[in-house]
């Protein structure tokens, strides 16, 4: 039960991440490129 809820939360986070990436593709790309410093 608890694992299921965490999986659901994880998928929701992934969806939010995807939507944010669609909204600001350049910003996220630069953050990925220079954020690992």
C-alpha atoms as a PDB file:
ATOM      1  CA  UNK A   1       0.000   0.000   0.000  1.00  0.00           C
ATOM      2  CA  UNK A   2       2.697   2.458   1.032  1.00  0.00           C
ATOM      3  CA  UNK A   3       4.893   1.486  -1.920  1.00  0.00           C
ATOM      4  CA  UNK A   4       1.945   2.001  -4.263  1.00  0.00           C
ATOM      5  CA  UNK A   5       1.391   5.508  -2.958  1.00  0.00           C
ATOM      6  CA  UNK A   6       5.058   6.395  -3.387  1.00  0.00           C
ATOM      7  CA  UNK A   7       4.962   5.062  -6.956  1.00  0.00           C
ATOM      8  CA  UNK A   8       1.931   7.239  -7.685  1.00  0.00           C
ATOM      9  CA  UNK A   9       3.685  10.261  -6.204  1.00  0.00           C
ATOM     10  CA  UNK A  10       6.764   9.470  -8.297  1.00  0.00           C
ATOM     11  CA  UNK A  11       4.723   9.296 -11.498  1.00  0.00           C
ATOM     12  CA  UNK A  12       3.027  12.603 -10.663  1.00  0.00           C
ATOM     13  CA  UNK A  13       6.444  14.177 -10.138  1.00  0.00           C
ATOM     14  CA  UNK A  14       7.557  12.799 -13.502  1.00  0.00           C
ATOM     15  CA  UNK A  15       4.479  14.275 -15.193  1.00  0.00           C
ATOM     16  CA  UNK A  16       5.132  17.664 -13.576  1.00  0.00           C
ATOM     17  CA  UNK A  17       8.760  17.478 -14.673  1.00  0.00           C
ATOM     18  CA  UNK A  18       7.671  16.644 -18.232  1.00  0.00           C
ATOM     19  CA  UNK A  19       5.181  19.504 -18.341  1.00  0.00           C
ATOM     20  CA  UNK A  20       7.771  21.919 -17.003  1.00  0.00           C
ATOM     21  CA  UNK A  21      10.234  20.711 -19.620  1.00  0.00           C
ATOM     22  CA  UNK A  22       7.668  21.245 -22.379  1.00  0.00           C
ATOM     23  CA  UNK A  23       6.977  24.732 -21.072  1.00  0.00           C
ATOM     24  CA  UNK A  24      10.627  25.813 -20.715  1.00  0.00           C
ATOM     25  CA  UNK A  25      12.768  23.532 -22.891  1.00  0.00           C
ATOM     26  CA  UNK A  26      15.763  25.835 -23.213  1.00  0.00           C
ATOM     27  CA  UNK A  27      15.884  26.668 -19.514  1.00  0.00           C
ATOM     28  CA  UNK A  28      15.805  23.039 -18.432  1.00  0.00           C
ATOM     29  CA  UNK A  29      18.363  22.066 -21.054  1.00  0.00           C
ATOM     30  CA  UNK A  30      20.805  24.715 -19.840  1.00  0.00           C
ATOM     31  CA  UNK A  31      20.145  23.726 -16.227  1.00  0.00           C
ATOM     32  CA  UNK A  32      20.905  20.093 -17.074  1.00  0.00           C
ATOM     33  CA  UNK A  33      24.038  21.099 -18.945  1.00  0.00           C
ATOM     34  CA  UNK A  34      25.460  23.465 -16.303  1.00  0.00           C
ATOM     35  CA  UNK A  35      23.708  22.199 -13.178  1.00  0.00           C
ATOM     36  CA  UNK A  36      26.121  19.294 -12.654  1.00  0.00           C
ATOM     37  CA  UNK A  37      28.940  21.642 -11.598  1.00  0.00           C
END
